[in-house]
Amino acid sequence: MSNKAENKRPWTFLTNHAHVLLSLAKSPSLKIRELAIEVNITERAVQRILAELTESGYISATKEGRCNIYKVNRDMYLRHPNESHQKIEGLIQLIFGK
């Protein structure tokens, strides 16, 4: 008999958007490939998430040579109505303690 839990895709409490954002808060100069590996998603998914986070004002990118340096806007509020009273800064502090 197989265990049904083994056949299910693993899930997490945070979205891929949150994982990308938190990764950039920790390491602002990560490349798309590095982000994809860290978050365990495709490079194309990372590009889409970066575009959405930038368009929404959660991150900004500055070119340094051929690389981007990302800045997380810690004053933005979380998007879901249940958490919309909390800023990104609070999430970063919760996860990294800084």
Protein backbone atom coordinates (compact mmCIF):
# COMPACT_ATOMS: atom_id res chain seq x y z
CA MET A 1 0.00 0.00 0.00
CA SER A 2 1.34 3.41 -0.92
CA ASN A 3 1.18 6.40 1.35
CA LYS A 4 -1.07 9.09 -0.18
CA ALA A 5 1.00 11.82 1.48
CA GLU A 6 4.04 10.69 -0.54
CA ASN A 7 2.14 11.24 -3.81
CA LYS A 8 1.05 14.78 -3.00
CA ARG A 9 3.01 17.81 -4.07
CA PRO A 10 4.62 19.44 -1.03
CA TRP A 11 3.14 22.78 -0.02
CA THR A 12 4.35 25.68 2.08
CA PHE A 13 2.70 28.46 4.04
CA LEU A 14 4.35 31.20 1.97
CA THR A 15 3.87 31.83 -1.74
CA ASN A 16 6.62 31.86 -4.35
CA HIS A 17 6.22 35.65 -4.44
CA ALA A 18 7.03 35.78 -0.72
CA HIS A 19 10.00 33.44 -1.16
CA VAL A 20 11.45 35.60 -3.97
CA LEU A 21 10.88 38.78 -1.98
CA LEU A 22 12.48 37.31 1.15
CA SER A 23 15.43 35.98 -0.84
CA LEU A 24 16.03 39.46 -2.26
CA ALA A 25 15.72 41.03 1.19
CA LYS A 26 18.49 38.71 2.33
CA SER A 27 20.65 38.89 -0.83
CA PRO A 28 19.77 41.86 -3.09
CA SER A 29 22.21 40.91 -5.86
CA LEU A 30 20.91 37.39 -6.54
CA LYS A 31 20.67 36.52 -10.22
CA ILE A 32 17.53 35.01 -11.74
CA ARG A 33 19.14 31.58 -11.92
CA GLU A 34 20.17 31.76 -8.25
CA LEU A 35 16.66 32.85 -7.24
CA ALA A 36 15.16 29.97 -9.22
CA ILE A 37 17.37 27.48 -7.41
CA GLU A 38 16.75 29.00 -3.98
CA VAL A 39 12.96 29.16 -4.39
CA ASN A 40 12.83 25.89 -6.36
CA ILE A 41 10.93 27.30 -9.34
CA THR A 42 11.80 27.92 -12.99
CA GLU A 43 13.75 30.94 -14.17
CA ARG A 44 10.72 31.95 -16.22
CA ALA A 45 8.56 31.90 -13.07
CA VAL A 46 11.16 34.06 -11.30
CA GLN A 47 11.09 36.57 -14.17
CA ARG A 48 7.29 36.76 -13.98
CA ILE A 49 7.34 37.21 -10.20
CA LEU A 50 10.04 39.90 -10.41
CA ALA A 51 7.97 41.77 -13.00
CA GLU A 52 4.86 41.57 -10.82
CA LEU A 53 6.69 42.65 -7.66
CA THR A 54 8.30 45.55 -9.54
CA GLU A 55 5.04 46.63 -11.18
CA SER A 56 3.31 46.58 -7.79
CA GLY A 57 6.08 48.61 -6.11
CA TYR A 58 7.30 45.87 -3.76
CA ILE A 59 10.79 45.87 -5.27
CA SER A 60 12.89 48.10 -7.49
CA ALA A 61 15.95 47.18 -9.52
CA THR A 62 19.09 49.18 -10.22
CA LYS A 63 21.58 48.10 -12.87
CA GLU A 64 25.17 47.62 -11.73
CA GLY A 65 27.15 46.56 -14.75
CA ARG A 66 25.34 43.57 -16.19
CA CYS A 67 23.58 42.70 -12.93
CA ASN A 68 20.53 43.99 -11.10
CA ILE A 69 20.60 45.01 -7.47
CA TYR A 70 17.14 44.73 -5.95
CA LYS A 71 15.71 46.86 -3.19
CA VAL A 72 12.70 45.62 -1.24
CA ASN A 73 10.20 48.33 -0.32
CA ARG A 74 9.73 47.36 3.32
CA ASP A 75 7.01 49.99 3.85
CA MET A 76 4.53 48.28 1.51
CA TYR A 77 1.67 46.37 3.09
CA LEU A 78 0.94 42.70 2.55
CA ARG A 79 -1.77 42.15 -0.06
CA HIS A 80 -4.17 39.59 1.41
CA PRO A 81 -7.02 41.15 3.43
CA ASN A 82 -6.15 39.00 6.46
CA GLU A 83 -2.62 40.45 6.59
CA SER A 84 -3.10 43.83 4.92
CA HIS A 85 -2.51 45.64 8.22
CA GLN A 86 1.10 44.34 8.28
CA LYS A 87 4.05 45.75 6.36
CA ILE A 88 6.65 43.76 4.44
CA GLU A 89 9.11 44.84 7.15
CA GLY A 90 7.20 42.74 9.67
CA LEU A 91 7.42 39.64 7.46
CA ILE A 92 11.15 40.14 6.99
CA GLN A 93 11.64 40.56 10.74
CA LEU A 94 9.54 37.47 11.43
CA ILE A 95 11.59 35.31 9.08
CA PHE A 96 15.10 36.73 9.58
CA GLY A 97 14.83 38.43 12.96
CA LYS A 98 16.22 41.71 11.59
